[in-house]
């Protein structure tokens, strides 16, 4: 498997992982609010914290993959 194909698969996983977290947490929060509408502040706080954590991990993963996409000549010229 070539380097570019491997990095593209990693990049796809970096995007699909947070998308699945967003979908699952949104679905769970809608179900929770449907069952107990009076718990909206607690559900909203947990939802926002979870989404912020997932987004932070996604940004870090994408930055790592972008760093790996650099050609080796660019890495060697800066050292």
N, C-alpha and C. Protein backbone atom coordinates (compact mmCIF):
# COMPACT_ATOMS: atom_id res chain seq x y z
N UNK A 1 0.86 -1.18 0.00
CA UNK A 1 0.00 0.00 0.00
C UNK A 1 0.90 1.23 0.00
N UNK A 2 0.59 2.15 -0.88
CA UNK A 2 1.43 3.35 -0.97
C UNK A 2 1.15 4.30 0.20
N UNK A 3 2.08 5.19 0.39
CA UNK A 3 2.00 6.15 1.50
C UNK A 3 0.77 7.05 1.37
N UNK A 4 0.49 7.51 0.15
CA UNK A 4 -0.64 8.41 -0.05
C UNK A 4 -1.98 7.73 0.21
N UNK A 5 -2.10 6.47 -0.18
CA UNK A 5 -3.35 5.75 0.07
C UNK A 5 -3.54 5.56 1.57
N UNK A 6 -2.47 5.20 2.27
CA UNK A 6 -2.56 5.02 3.72
C UNK A 6 -2.94 6.31 4.42
N UNK A 7 -2.32 7.41 4.02
CA UNK A 7 -2.64 8.70 4.63
C UNK A 7 -4.06 9.14 4.31
N UNK A 8 -4.53 8.83 3.11
CA UNK A 8 -5.90 9.17 2.75
C UNK A 8 -6.90 8.38 3.60
N UNK A 9 -6.61 7.11 3.85
CA UNK A 9 -7.48 6.31 4.72
C UNK A 9 -7.47 6.85 6.15
N UNK A 10 -6.31 7.25 6.64
CA UNK A 10 -6.22 7.84 7.98
C UNK A 10 -7.00 9.15 8.03
N UNK A 11 -6.87 9.96 6.99
CA UNK A 11 -7.59 11.23 6.92
C UNK A 11 -9.09 11.00 6.92
N UNK A 12 -9.54 9.98 6.18
CA UNK A 12 -10.96 9.64 6.17
C UNK A 12 -11.46 9.21 7.53
N UNK A 13 -10.64 8.43 8.24
CA UNK A 13 -11.01 8.02 9.60
C UNK A 13 -11.06 9.22 10.54
N UNK A 14 -10.17 10.18 10.33
CA UNK A 14 -10.16 11.39 11.16
C UNK A 14 -11.43 12.22 10.95
N UNK A 15 -12.00 12.12 9.79
CA UNK A 15 -13.23 12.87 9.52
C UNK A 15 -14.46 12.06 9.95
N UNK A 16 -14.47 10.77 9.65
CA UNK A 16 -15.65 9.94 9.95
C UNK A 16 -15.83 9.69 11.45
N UNK A 17 -14.74 9.63 12.20
CA UNK A 17 -14.85 9.41 13.64
C UNK A 17 -15.67 10.48 14.34
N UNK A 18 -15.28 11.75 14.21
CA UNK A 18 -16.08 12.81 14.83
C UNK A 18 -17.49 12.92 14.27
N UNK A 19 -17.67 12.62 12.98
CA UNK A 19 -19.02 12.65 12.41
C UNK A 19 -19.92 11.62 13.09
N UNK A 20 -19.37 10.44 13.36
CA UNK A 20 -20.16 9.42 14.05
C UNK A 20 -20.45 9.83 15.49
N UNK A 21 -19.50 10.50 16.15
CA UNK A 21 -19.74 10.98 17.51
C UNK A 21 -20.83 12.03 17.51
N UNK A 22 -20.81 12.96 16.55
CA UNK A 22 -21.84 13.99 16.46
C UNK A 22 -23.21 13.36 16.25
N UNK A 23 -23.28 12.40 15.34
CA UNK A 23 -24.57 11.76 15.05
C UNK A 23 -25.09 10.98 16.26
N UNK A 24 -24.23 10.22 16.91
CA UNK A 24 -24.66 9.42 18.06
C UNK A 24 -25.07 10.30 19.24
N UNK A 25 -24.30 11.35 19.51
CA UNK A 25 -24.65 12.21 20.64
C UNK A 25 -25.91 13.02 20.37
N UNK A 26 -26.09 13.46 19.14
CA UNK A 26 -27.31 14.20 18.81
C UNK A 26 -28.53 13.30 18.92
N UNK A 27 -28.40 12.07 18.43
CA UNK A 27 -29.51 11.11 18.52
C UNK A 27 -29.84 10.81 19.98
N UNK A 28 -28.80 10.59 20.80
CA UNK A 28 -29.03 10.28 22.21
C UNK A 28 -29.65 11.47 22.95
N UNK A 29 -29.24 12.68 22.62
CA UNK A 29 -29.81 13.84 23.30
C UNK A 29 -31.27 14.06 22.92
N UNK A 30 -31.61 13.81 21.67
CA UNK A 30 -33.01 13.93 21.25
C UNK A 30 -33.87 12.90 21.95
N UNK A 31 -33.39 11.67 22.07
CA UNK A 31 -34.12 10.62 22.78
C UNK A 31 -34.27 11.00 24.26
N UNK A 32 -33.19 11.51 24.87
CA UNK A 32 -33.24 11.87 26.28
C UNK A 32 -34.22 13.03 26.52
N UNK A 33 -34.21 14.00 25.64
CA UNK A 33 -35.14 15.13 25.79
C UNK A 33 -36.58 14.69 25.56
N UNK A 34 -36.79 13.72 24.69
CA UNK A 34 -38.13 13.21 24.46
C UNK A 34 -38.68 12.47 25.67
N UNK A 35 -37.79 11.80 26.39
CA UNK A 35 -38.24 11.05 27.57
C UNK A 35 -38.38 11.92 28.81
N UNK A 36 -37.51 12.93 28.92
CA UNK A 36 -37.54 13.77 30.12
C UNK A 36 -37.22 15.22 29.73
N UNK A 37 -38.21 15.99 29.31
CA UNK A 37 -37.95 17.36 28.86
C UNK A 37 -37.45 18.28 29.98
N UNK A 38 -37.73 17.94 31.23
CA UNK A 38 -37.29 18.82 32.31
C UNK A 38 -35.79 18.73 32.55
N UNK A 39 -35.12 17.75 31.99
CA UNK A 39 -33.67 17.60 32.16
C UNK A 39 -32.90 18.28 31.04
N UNK A 40 -33.50 19.20 30.34
CA UNK A 40 -32.87 19.85 29.19
C UNK A 40 -31.54 20.54 29.53
N UNK A 41 -31.42 21.28 30.64
CA UNK A 41 -30.13 21.91 30.92
C UNK A 41 -28.99 20.90 31.12
N UNK A 42 -29.26 19.81 31.80
CA UNK A 42 -28.22 18.80 32.02
C UNK A 42 -27.84 18.10 30.72
N UNK A 43 -28.84 17.78 29.91
CA UNK A 43 -28.58 17.10 28.64
C UNK A 43 -27.80 18.02 27.71
N UNK A 44 -28.18 19.29 27.68
CA UNK A 44 -27.50 20.25 26.80
C UNK A 44 -26.05 20.44 27.21
N UNK A 45 -25.78 20.55 28.51
CA UNK A 45 -24.41 20.72 28.99
C UNK A 45 -23.55 19.52 28.62
N UNK A 46 -24.06 18.32 28.84
CA UNK A 46 -23.31 17.11 28.49
C UNK A 46 -23.09 17.01 26.99
N UNK A 47 -24.09 17.39 26.22
CA UNK A 47 -23.97 17.34 24.77
C UNK A 47 -22.89 18.30 24.27
N UNK A 48 -22.90 19.52 24.76
CA UNK A 48 -21.93 20.52 24.33
C UNK A 48 -20.51 20.09 24.72
N UNK A 49 -20.33 19.59 25.93
CA UNK A 49 -19.00 19.14 26.35
C UNK A 49 -18.51 17.98 25.49
N UNK A 50 -19.38 17.05 25.20
CA UNK A 50 -18.99 15.93 24.35
C UNK A 50 -18.63 16.36 22.93
N UNK A 51 -19.40 17.28 22.37
CA UNK A 51 -19.12 17.75 21.02
C UNK A 51 -17.82 18.55 20.96
N UNK A 52 -17.55 19.36 21.98
CA UNK A 52 -16.30 20.12 22.02
C UNK A 52 -15.11 19.17 22.11
N UNK A 53 -15.22 18.14 22.93
CA UNK A 53 -14.14 17.17 23.07
C UNK A 53 -13.90 16.43 21.75
N UNK A 54 -14.96 16.00 21.08
CA UNK A 54 -14.82 15.30 19.80
C UNK A 54 -14.23 16.21 18.73
N UNK A 55 -14.64 17.46 18.71
CA UNK A 55 -14.12 18.40 17.71
C UNK A 55 -12.64 18.69 17.95
N UNK A 56 -12.24 18.80 19.21
CA UNK A 56 -10.84 19.03 19.53
C UNK A 56 -9.98 17.86 19.07
N UNK A 57 -10.44 16.65 19.33
CA UNK A 57 -9.70 15.47 18.87
C UNK A 57 -9.63 15.42 17.35
N UNK A 58 -10.69 15.81 16.68
CA UNK A 58 -10.70 15.81 15.22
C UNK A 58 -9.69 16.80 14.66
N UNK A 59 -9.62 17.98 15.24
CA UNK A 59 -8.67 19.00 14.77
C UNK A 59 -7.25 18.53 14.98
N UNK A 60 -6.95 17.94 16.12
CA UNK A 60 -5.60 17.44 16.38
C UNK A 60 -5.25 16.34 15.39
N UNK A 61 -6.17 15.41 15.15
CA UNK A 61 -5.90 14.32 14.22
C UNK A 61 -5.68 14.84 12.80
N UNK A 62 -6.45 15.81 12.37
CA UNK A 62 -6.29 16.35 11.03
C UNK A 62 -4.96 17.10 10.91
N UNK A 63 -4.55 17.81 11.94
CA UNK A 63 -3.25 18.49 11.91
C UNK A 63 -2.10 17.49 11.83
N UNK A 64 -2.23 16.37 12.53
CA UNK A 64 -1.20 15.33 12.46
C UNK A 64 -1.13 14.75 11.05
N UNK A 65 -2.27 14.49 10.44
CA UNK A 65 -2.27 13.94 9.08
C UNK A 65 -1.71 14.95 8.09
N UNK A 66 -2.04 16.22 8.24
CA UNK A 66 -1.46 17.24 7.36
C UNK A 66 0.05 17.27 7.51
N UNK A 67 0.55 17.11 8.73
CA UNK A 67 1.98 17.09 8.95
C UNK A 67 2.61 15.87 8.27
N UNK A 68 1.91 14.74 8.27
CA UNK A 68 2.42 13.54 7.62
C UNK A 68 2.39 13.66 6.10
N UNK A 69 1.51 14.49 5.54
CA UNK A 69 1.43 14.67 4.10
C UNK A 69 2.58 15.51 3.55
N UNK A 70 3.32 16.19 4.42
CA UNK A 70 4.43 17.00 3.93
C UNK A 70 5.44 16.10 3.23
N UNK A 71 5.99 16.56 2.13
CA UNK A 71 7.03 15.75 1.49
C UNK A 71 8.29 15.69 2.38
N UNK A 72 9.02 14.63 2.26
CA UNK A 72 10.20 14.46 3.13
C UNK A 72 11.25 15.51 2.86
N UNK A 73 11.28 16.07 1.65
CA UNK A 73 12.25 17.13 1.34
C UNK A 73 11.97 18.38 2.17
N UNK A 74 10.69 18.68 2.37
CA UNK A 74 10.33 19.86 3.16
C UNK A 74 10.71 19.67 4.62
N UNK A 75 10.59 18.45 5.11
CA UNK A 75 10.94 18.17 6.50
C UNK A 75 12.45 18.25 6.68
N UNK A 76 13.20 17.70 5.73
CA UNK A 76 14.66 17.69 5.84
C UNK A 76 15.26 19.07 5.66
N UNK A 77 14.63 19.94 4.88
CA UNK A 77 15.20 21.27 4.66
C UNK A 77 15.07 22.19 5.85
N UNK A 78 14.15 21.89 6.79
CA UNK A 78 13.96 22.74 7.97
C UNK A 78 14.84 22.33 9.13
N UNK A 79 15.52 21.20 9.04
CA UNK A 79 16.36 20.76 10.16
C UNK A 79 17.81 21.06 9.94
